[in-house]
PDB file of N, CA and C in Angstrom:
ATOM      1  N   MET A   1      52.155  71.048   7.088  1.00  0.00           N
ATOM      2  CA  MET A   1      53.065  70.061   6.771  1.00  0.00           C
ATOM      3  C   MET A   1      52.284  69.419   5.149  1.00  0.00           C
ATOM      4  N   LYS A   2      53.500  69.554   3.882  1.00  0.00           N
ATOM      5  CA  LYS A   2      53.144  68.931   3.218  1.00  0.00           C
ATOM      6  C   LYS A   2      53.171  67.885   2.691  1.00  0.00           C
ATOM      7  N   VAL A   3      52.034  67.295   1.924  1.00  0.00           N
ATOM      8  CA  VAL A   3      51.834  65.969   1.632  1.00  0.00           C
ATOM      9  C   VAL A   3      51.620  65.935   0.224  1.00  0.00           C
ATOM     10  N   VAL A   4      51.963  64.784  -0.575  1.00  0.00           N
ATOM     11  CA  VAL A   4      51.718  64.315  -2.008  1.00  0.00           C
ATOM     12  C   VAL A   4      50.992  63.137  -2.045  1.00  0.00           C
ATOM     13  N   VAL A   5      50.456  63.098  -2.378  1.00  0.00           N
ATOM     14  CA  VAL A   5      49.794  61.719  -2.888  1.00  0.00           C
ATOM     15  C   VAL A   5      49.270  61.164  -4.637  1.00  0.00           C
ATOM     16  N   HIS A   6      50.335  59.879  -4.528  1.00  0.00           N
ATOM     17  CA  HIS A   6      50.492  59.411  -6.198  1.00  0.00           C
ATOM     18  C   HIS A   6      49.758  58.421  -6.770  1.00  0.00           C
ATOM     19  N   VAL A   7      48.609  58.311  -7.579  1.00  0.00           N
ATOM     20  CA  VAL A   7      47.899  56.837  -6.964  1.00  0.00           C
ATOM     21  C   VAL A   7      47.540  56.941  -8.446  1.00  0.00           C
ATOM     22  N   GLN A   8      48.481  55.502  -8.846  1.00  0.00           N
ATOM     23  CA  GLN A   8      48.149  55.601 -10.798  1.00  0.00           C
ATOM     24  C   GLN A   8      47.606  54.087 -10.408  1.00  0.00           C
ATOM     25  N   LEU A   9      47.185  53.182 -10.994  1.00  0.00           N
ATOM     26  CA  LEU A   9      46.102  51.633 -11.548  1.00  0.00           C
ATOM     27  C   LEU A   9      46.914  51.041 -11.511  1.00  0.00           C
ATOM     28  N   ARG A  10      46.498  49.571 -11.020  1.00  0.00           N
ATOM     29  CA  ARG A  10      47.668  48.870 -10.883  1.00  0.00           C
ATOM     30  C   ARG A  10      48.189  47.656 -11.993  1.00  0.00           C
ATOM     31  N   GLU A  11      49.248  47.203 -12.224  1.00  0.00           N
ATOM     32  CA  GLU A  11      49.695  47.086 -13.633  1.00  0.00           C
ATOM     33  C   GLU A  11      48.438  45.572 -13.900  1.00  0.00           C
ATOM     34  N   GLY A  12      48.273  45.777 -14.807  1.00  0.00           N
ATOM     35  CA  GLY A  12      47.757  44.664 -15.718  1.00  0.00           C
ATOM     36  C   GLY A  12      45.427  45.235 -15.239  1.00  0.00           C
ATOM     37  N   VAL A  13      45.974  46.351 -14.509  1.00  0.00           N
ATOM     38  CA  VAL A  13      44.288  46.847 -14.787  1.00  0.00           C
ATOM     39  C   VAL A  13      44.063  48.231 -15.870  1.00  0.00           C
ATOM     40  N   LEU A  14      43.527  47.603 -16.786  1.00  0.00           N
ATOM     41  CA  LEU A  14      43.040  48.111 -18.002  1.00  0.00           C
ATOM     42  C   LEU A  14      43.348  49.582 -17.486  1.00  0.00           C
ATOM     43  N   ASP A  15      43.550  50.826 -18.904  1.00  0.00           N
ATOM     44  CA  ASP A  15      43.657  52.151 -18.400  1.00  0.00           C
ATOM     45  C   ASP A  15      43.507  52.771 -19.912  1.00  0.00           C
ATOM     46  N   PRO A  16      42.355  52.927 -19.885  1.00  0.00           N
ATOM     47  CA  PRO A  16      41.467  53.265 -21.381  1.00  0.00           C
ATOM     48  C   PRO A  16      41.863  55.107 -21.655  1.00  0.00           C
ATOM     49  N   GLN A  17      42.534  55.810 -20.383  1.00  0.00           N
ATOM     50  CA  GLN A  17      42.717  57.082 -20.969  1.00  0.00           C
ATOM     51  C   GLN A  17      44.051  57.287 -21.403  1.00  0.00           C
ATOM     52  N   GLY A  18      45.155  56.254 -20.262  1.00  0.00           N
ATOM     53  CA  GLY A  18      45.905  55.862 -20.819  1.00  0.00           C
ATOM     54  C   GLY A  18      46.507  55.768 -22.707  1.00  0.00           C
ATOM     55  N   LYS A  19      45.595  54.302 -22.762  1.00  0.00           N
ATOM     56  CA  LYS A  19      45.459  54.237 -23.951  1.00  0.00           C
ATOM     57  C   LYS A  19      45.165  55.366 -25.012  1.00  0.00           C
ATOM     58  N   ALA A  20      44.387  56.391 -24.366  1.00  0.00           N
ATOM     59  CA  ALA A  20      44.111  57.189 -25.555  1.00  0.00           C
ATOM     60  C   ALA A  20      45.110  57.810 -25.549  1.00  0.00           C
ATOM     61  N   ILE A  21      45.775  59.301 -24.192  1.00  0.00           N
ATOM     62  CA  ILE A  21      46.683  59.401 -24.478  1.00  0.00           C
ATOM     63  C   ILE A  21      47.851  58.629 -25.453  1.00  0.00           C
ATOM     64  N   ALA A  22      48.404  57.355 -25.599  1.00  0.00           N
ATOM     65  CA  ALA A  22      49.191  57.373 -26.662  1.00  0.00           C
ATOM     66  C   ALA A  22      49.510  57.655 -27.555  1.00  0.00           C
ATOM     67  N   GLY A  23      48.163  57.329 -27.873  1.00  0.00           N
ATOM     68  CA  GLY A  23      47.559  57.352 -29.496  1.00  0.00           C
ATOM     69  C   GLY A  23      47.295  58.296 -30.143  1.00  0.00           C
ATOM     70  N   ALA A  24      46.933  59.578 -29.116  1.00  0.00           N
ATOM     71  CA  ALA A  24      46.548  60.545 -29.239  1.00  0.00           C
ATOM     72  C   ALA A  24      48.467  61.348 -29.607  1.00  0.00           C
ATOM     73  N   LEU A  25      49.327  61.399 -28.612  1.00  0.00           N
ATOM     74  CA  LEU A  25      50.653  61.773 -29.345  1.00  0.00           C
ATOM     75  C   LEU A  25      51.116  60.867 -30.093  1.00  0.00           C
ATOM     76  N   ASN A  26      51.226  59.677 -30.797  1.00  0.00           N
ATOM     77  CA  ASN A  26      50.968  59.521 -31.911  1.00  0.00           C
ATOM     78  C   ASN A  26      50.617  60.372 -33.107  1.00  0.00           C
ATOM     79  N   THR A  27      49.077  60.292 -32.788  1.00  0.00           N
ATOM     80  CA  THR A  27      48.637  60.868 -33.809  1.00  0.00           C
ATOM     81  C   THR A  27      49.335  62.748 -34.342  1.00  0.00           C
ATOM     82  N   LEU A  28      49.694  62.854 -33.644  1.00  0.00           N
ATOM     83  CA  LEU A  28      50.367  64.768 -32.974  1.00  0.00           C
ATOM     84  C   LEU A  28      51.584  64.186 -33.874  1.00  0.00           C
ATOM     85  N   GLY A  29      52.270  63.399 -33.729  1.00  0.00           N
ATOM     86  CA  GLY A  29      53.586  62.807 -34.701  1.00  0.00           C
ATOM     87  C   GLY A  29      54.700  62.793 -33.138  1.00  0.00           C
ATOM     88  N   PHE A  30      54.320  62.614 -31.990  1.00  0.00           N
ATOM     89  CA  PHE A  30      55.237  62.012 -31.137  1.00  0.00           C
ATOM     90  C   PHE A  30      55.210  60.885 -31.424  1.00  0.00           C
ATOM     91  N   ALA A  31      55.831  59.966 -32.183  1.00  0.00           N
ATOM     92  CA  ALA A  31      56.861  58.367 -32.237  1.00  0.00           C
ATOM     93  C   ALA A  31      56.923  58.322 -31.628  1.00  0.00           C
ATOM     94  N   GLY A  32      57.029  56.270 -31.329  1.00  0.00           N
ATOM     95  CA  GLY A  32      57.819  56.216 -30.734  1.00  0.00           C
ATOM     96  C   GLY A  32      57.021  55.794 -28.611  1.00  0.00           C
ATOM     97  N   VAL A  33      56.072  56.874 -28.450  1.00  0.00           N
ATOM     98  CA  VAL A  33      55.576  56.199 -27.574  1.00  0.00           C
ATOM     99  C   VAL A  33      54.324  55.483 -27.269  1.00  0.00           C
ATOM    100  N   VAL A  34      54.373  54.109 -26.569  1.00  0.00           N
ATOM    101  CA  VAL A  34      54.132  52.819 -27.005  1.00  0.00           C
ATOM    102  C   VAL A  34      52.968  52.896 -25.798  1.00  0.00           C
ATOM    103  N   ASP A  35      53.306  53.009 -24.709  1.00  0.00           N
ATOM    104  CA  ASP A  35      51.788  53.267 -23.912  1.00  0.00           C
ATOM    105  C   ASP A  35      52.052  54.014 -22.493  1.00  0.00           C
ATOM    106  N   ALA A  36      50.961  54.826 -22.227  1.00  0.00           N
ATOM    107  CA  ALA A  36      51.132  55.708 -21.798  1.00  0.00           C
ATOM    108  C   ALA A  36      50.282  55.133 -20.537  1.00  0.00           C
ATOM    109  N   ARG A  37      49.973  55.556 -18.810  1.00  0.00           N
ATOM    110  CA  ARG A  37      49.493  55.309 -18.234  1.00  0.00           C
ATOM    111  C   ARG A  37      48.891  56.409 -17.441  1.00  0.00           C
ATOM    112  N   GLN A  38      47.596  57.211 -16.992  1.00  0.00           N
ATOM    113  CA  GLN A  38      48.009  57.891 -15.889  1.00  0.00           C
ATOM    114  C   GLN A  38      47.436  57.926 -14.719  1.00  0.00           C
ATOM    115  N   SER A  39      47.450  58.838 -14.281  1.00  0.00           N
ATOM    116  CA  SER A  39      47.198  58.951 -12.746  1.00  0.00           C
ATOM    117  C   SER A  39      46.933  60.567 -12.168  1.00  0.00           C
ATOM    118  N   LYS A  40      46.885  60.307 -10.630  1.00  0.00           N
ATOM    119  CA  LYS A  40      46.370  61.813  -9.822  1.00  0.00           C
ATOM    120  C   LYS A  40      47.036  61.684  -9.317  1.00  0.00           C
ATOM    121  N   VAL A  41      47.276  63.211  -8.605  1.00  0.00           N
ATOM    122  CA  VAL A  41      47.673  63.217  -7.652  1.00  0.00           C
ATOM    123  C   VAL A  41      46.846  64.282  -6.806  1.00  0.00           C
ATOM    124  N   ILE A  42      47.273  64.447  -5.663  1.00  0.00           N
ATOM    125  CA  ILE A  42      46.489  64.681  -4.366  1.00  0.00           C
ATOM    126  C   ILE A  42      47.531  65.596  -3.445  1.00  0.00           C
ATOM    127  N   ALA A  43      47.574  66.884  -3.502  1.00  0.00           N
ATOM    128  CA  ALA A  43      48.008  67.299  -2.376  1.00  0.00           C
ATOM    129  C   ALA A  43      46.933  68.168  -0.691  1.00  0.00           C
ATOM    130  N   LEU A  44      47.761  67.624   0.158  1.00  0.00           N
ATOM    131  CA  LEU A  44      47.189  68.200   1.327  1.00  0.00           C
ATOM    132  C   LEU A  44      48.422  68.817   1.772  1.00  0.00           C
ATOM    133  N   ASP A  45      46.999  69.985   2.953  1.00  0.00           N
ATOM    134  CA  ASP A  45      48.399  70.356   3.711  1.00  0.00           C
ATOM    135  C   ASP A  45      48.027  69.853   4.971  1.00  0.00           C
ATOM    136  N   LEU A  46      48.433  69.337   5.546  1.00  0.00           N
ATOM    137  CA  LEU A  46      48.831  69.142   7.608  1.00  0.00           C
ATOM    138  C   LEU A  46      48.695  69.637   8.563  1.00  0.00           C
ATOM    139  N   GLU A  47      48.106  69.713   9.057  1.00  0.00           N
ATOM    140  CA  GLU A  47      48.897  70.066  10.516  1.00  0.00           C
ATOM    141  C   GLU A  47      49.731  70.230  10.758  1.00  0.00           C
ATOM    142  N   ASP A  48      50.530  70.994  11.913  1.00  0.00           N
ATOM    143  CA  ASP A  48      52.149  70.715  12.370  1.00  0.00           C
ATOM    144  C   ASP A  48      52.003  69.084  12.786  1.00  0.00           C
ATOM    145  N   MET A  49      53.080  68.040  12.568  1.00  0.00           N
ATOM    146  CA  MET A  49      53.070  66.395  13.199  1.00  0.00           C
ATOM    147  C   MET A  49      53.742  66.140  13.408  1.00  0.00           C
ATOM    148  N   ASP A  50      54.620  64.937  13.741  1.00  0.00           N
ATOM    149  CA  ASP A  50      55.656  63.953  13.379  1.00  0.00           C
ATOM    150  C   ASP A  50      55.612  64.063  12.205  1.00  0.00           C
ATOM    151  N   GLU A  51      56.733  63.062  11.382  1.00  0.00           N
ATOM    152  CA  GLU A  51      56.924  62.518  10.281  1.00  0.00           C
ATOM    153  C   GLU A  51      55.428  60.933  10.286  1.00  0.00           C
ATOM    154  N   SER A  52      56.107  60.512  11.798  1.00  0.00           N
ATOM    155  CA  SER A  52      55.302  58.992  11.399  1.00  0.00           C
ATOM    156  C   SER A  52      53.631  59.060  11.732  1.00  0.00           C
ATOM    157  N   THR A  53      53.099  59.852  12.173  1.00  0.00           N
ATOM    158  CA  THR A  53      52.647  60.440  12.367  1.00  0.00           C
ATOM    159  C   THR A  53      51.462  60.646  11.636  1.00  0.00           C
ATOM    160  N   ALA A  54      51.981  61.527  10.767  1.00  0.00           N
ATOM    161  CA  ALA A  54      51.673  61.895   9.355  1.00  0.00           C
ATOM    162  C   ALA A  54      51.072  61.547   7.826  1.00  0.00           C
ATOM    163  N   ARG A  55      52.733  60.451   8.483  1.00  0.00           N
ATOM    164  CA  ARG A  55      51.912  59.421   7.116  1.00  0.00           C
ATOM    165  C   ARG A  55      51.338  58.063   7.488  1.00  0.00           C
ATOM    166  N   ALA A  56      50.832  57.940   8.407  1.00  0.00           N
ATOM    167  CA  ALA A  56      49.997  56.768   9.112  1.00  0.00           C
ATOM    168  C   ALA A  56      48.842  57.711   8.841  1.00  0.00           C
ATOM    169  N   ARG A  57      48.973  58.735   9.173  1.00  0.00           N
ATOM    170  CA  ARG A  57      47.022  59.365   8.879  1.00  0.00           C
ATOM    171  C   ARG A  57      46.695  59.632   7.597  1.00  0.00           C
ATOM    172  N   VAL A  58      47.641  59.495   6.711  1.00  0.00           N
ATOM    173  CA  VAL A  58      47.557  59.726   5.304  1.00  0.00           C
ATOM    174  C   VAL A  58      47.187  58.246   4.789  1.00  0.00           C
ATOM    175  N   ASP A  59      48.006  57.646   5.125  1.00  0.00           N
ATOM    176  CA  ASP A  59      47.963  55.948   4.785  1.00  0.00           C
ATOM    177  C   ASP A  59      46.522  55.607   5.003  1.00  0.00           C
ATOM    178  N   GLU A  60      45.797  56.328   6.146  1.00  0.00           N
ATOM    179  CA  GLU A  60      44.051  56.119   6.347  1.00  0.00           C
ATOM    180  C   GLU A  60      43.571  56.211   5.351  1.00  0.00           C
ATOM    181  N   MET A  61      44.121  57.744   5.066  1.00  0.00           N
ATOM    182  CA  MET A  61      43.028  58.569   4.588  1.00  0.00           C
ATOM    183  C   MET A  61      42.859  57.840   2.763  1.00  0.00           C
ATOM    184  N   CYS A  62      44.270  57.617   2.136  1.00  0.00           N
ATOM    185  CA  CYS A  62      44.423  56.410   0.996  1.00  0.00           C
ATOM    186  C   CYS A  62      43.736  55.932   0.865  1.00  0.00           C
ATOM    187  N   ARG A  63      43.607  54.505   1.941  1.00  0.00           N
ATOM    188  CA  ARG A  63      42.946  53.505   2.569  1.00  0.00           C
ATOM    189  C   ARG A  63      40.899  53.335   2.224  1.00  0.00           C
ATOM    190  N   LYS A  64      40.603  54.564   2.592  1.00  0.00           N
ATOM    191  CA  LYS A  64      39.262  55.228   2.707  1.00  0.00           C
ATOM    192  C   LYS A  64      38.833  55.679   1.624  1.00  0.00           C
ATOM    193  N   LEU A  65      39.485  56.634   1.164  1.00  0.00           N
ATOM    194  CA  LEU A  65      38.592  57.759   0.392  1.00  0.00           C
ATOM    195  C   LEU A  65      39.871  57.542  -0.687  1.00  0.00           C
ATOM    196  N   LEU A  66      41.064  58.152  -0.623  1.00  0.00           N
ATOM    197  CA  LEU A  66      41.811  58.893  -1.920  1.00  0.00           C
ATOM    198  C   LEU A  66      42.254  57.640  -3.197  1.00  0.00           C
ATOM    199  N   ALA A  67      42.377  56.139  -2.737  1.00  0.00           N
ATOM    200  CA  ALA A  67      42.535  55.109  -3.714  1.00  0.00           C
ATOM    201  C   ALA A  67      42.035  53.731  -3.618  1.00  0.00           C
ATOM    202  N   ASN A  68      41.365  53.370  -4.179  1.00  0.00           N
ATOM    203  CA  ASN A  68      40.298  52.823  -4.448  1.00  0.00           C
ATOM    204  C   ASN A  68      42.044  50.929  -4.583  1.00  0.00           C
ATOM    205  N   THR A  69      41.726  50.783  -3.254  1.00  0.00           N
ATOM    206  CA  THR A  69      43.287  49.422  -3.512  1.00  0.00           C
ATOM    207  C   THR A  69      43.229  48.414  -4.163  1.00  0.00           C
ATOM    208  N   VAL A  70      42.565  47.924  -4.397  1.00  0.00           N
ATOM    209  CA  VAL A  70      41.539  47.066  -4.990  1.00  0.00           C
ATOM    210  C   VAL A  70      42.508  46.571  -6.811  1.00  0.00           C
ATOM    211  N   ILE A  71      41.939  47.920  -6.998  1.00  0.00           N
ATOM    212  CA  ILE A  71      42.829  48.197  -9.165  1.00  0.00           C
ATOM    213  C   ILE A  71      44.002  49.314  -8.594  1.00  0.00           C
ATOM    214  N   GLU A  72      44.003  50.238  -7.613  1.00  0.00           N
ATOM    215  CA  GLU A  72      45.185  51.509  -7.177  1.00  0.00           C
ATOM    216  C   GLU A  72      46.353  51.483  -6.506  1.00  0.00           C
ATOM    217  N   THR A  73      47.302  51.682  -6.416  1.00  0.00           N
ATOM    218  CA  THR A  73      48.220  51.832  -5.658  1.00  0.00           C
ATOM    219  C   THR A  73      48.455  53.122  -5.631  1.00  0.00           C
ATOM    220  N   TYR A  74      49.075  53.205  -4.861  1.00  0.00           N
ATOM    221  CA  TYR A  74      49.648  54.747  -4.191  1.00  0.00           C
ATOM    222  C   TYR A  74      50.850  54.826  -3.591  1.00  0.00           C
ATOM    223  N   SER A  75      51.477  56.273  -3.036  1.00  0.00           N
ATOM    224  CA  SER A  75      52.427  56.007  -3.172  1.00  0.00           C
ATOM    225  C   SER A  75      52.773  57.880  -1.957  1.00  0.00           C
ATOM    226  N   VAL A  76      53.613  58.005  -0.483  1.00  0.00           N
ATOM    227  CA  VAL A  76      53.289  59.132  -0.258  1.00  0.00           C
ATOM    228  C   VAL A  76      54.856  59.904  -0.234  1.00  0.00           C
ATOM    229  N   SER A  77      54.393  61.125  -0.537  1.00  0.00           N
ATOM    230  CA  SER A  77      55.886  62.152  -0.116  1.00  0.00           C
ATOM    231  C   SER A  77      55.367  63.093   0.747  1.00  0.00           C
ATOM    232  N   ILE A  78      56.396  63.156   1.813  1.00  0.00           N
ATOM    233  CA  ILE A  78      55.668  63.986   3.230  1.00  0.00           C
ATOM    234  C   ILE A  78      57.128  64.914   2.527  1.00  0.00           C
ATOM    235  N   GLU A  79      56.535  66.484   2.986  1.00  0.00           N
ATOM    236  CA  GLU A  79      57.822  67.287   2.758  1.00  0.00           C
ATOM    237  C   GLU A  79      57.576  68.620   4.464  1.00  0.00           C
ATOM    238  N   PRO A  80      58.610  67.650   5.293  1.00  0.00           N
ATOM    239  CA  PRO A  80      58.447  68.856   6.784  1.00  0.00           C
ATOM    240  C   PRO A  80      57.754  70.176   6.464  1.00  0.00           C
ATOM    241  N   ALA A  81      56.986  70.952   7.120  1.00  0.00           N
ATOM    242  CA  ALA A  81      56.916  71.968   7.273  1.00  0.00           C
ATOM    243  C   ALA A  81      58.256  73.310   6.917  1.00  0.00           C
ATOM    244  N   GLY A  82      58.118  74.504   7.145  1.00  0.00           N
ATOM    245  CA  GLY A  82      59.776  75.171   6.994  1.00  0.00           C
ATOM    246  C   GLY A  82      60.402  75.354   6.629  1.00  0.00           C
TER     247      GLY A  82
END
């Protein structure tokens, strides 16, 4: 089973990398970029299990390690095997 976790900073949390990206894009001539937010993507391969069990396990992984839930949010996409 393929799982993709998207982790990004919560709204209102300063994102210096995003600011740098937006500034660099404007400097390179990509006018009109008002803001950018950076995030991380974590791809996991899990053993076969039902989707609700997988979602619960990945949610626990996010809360314990993959995301700092004080300043970050996350979303999980699950693609069944096969």
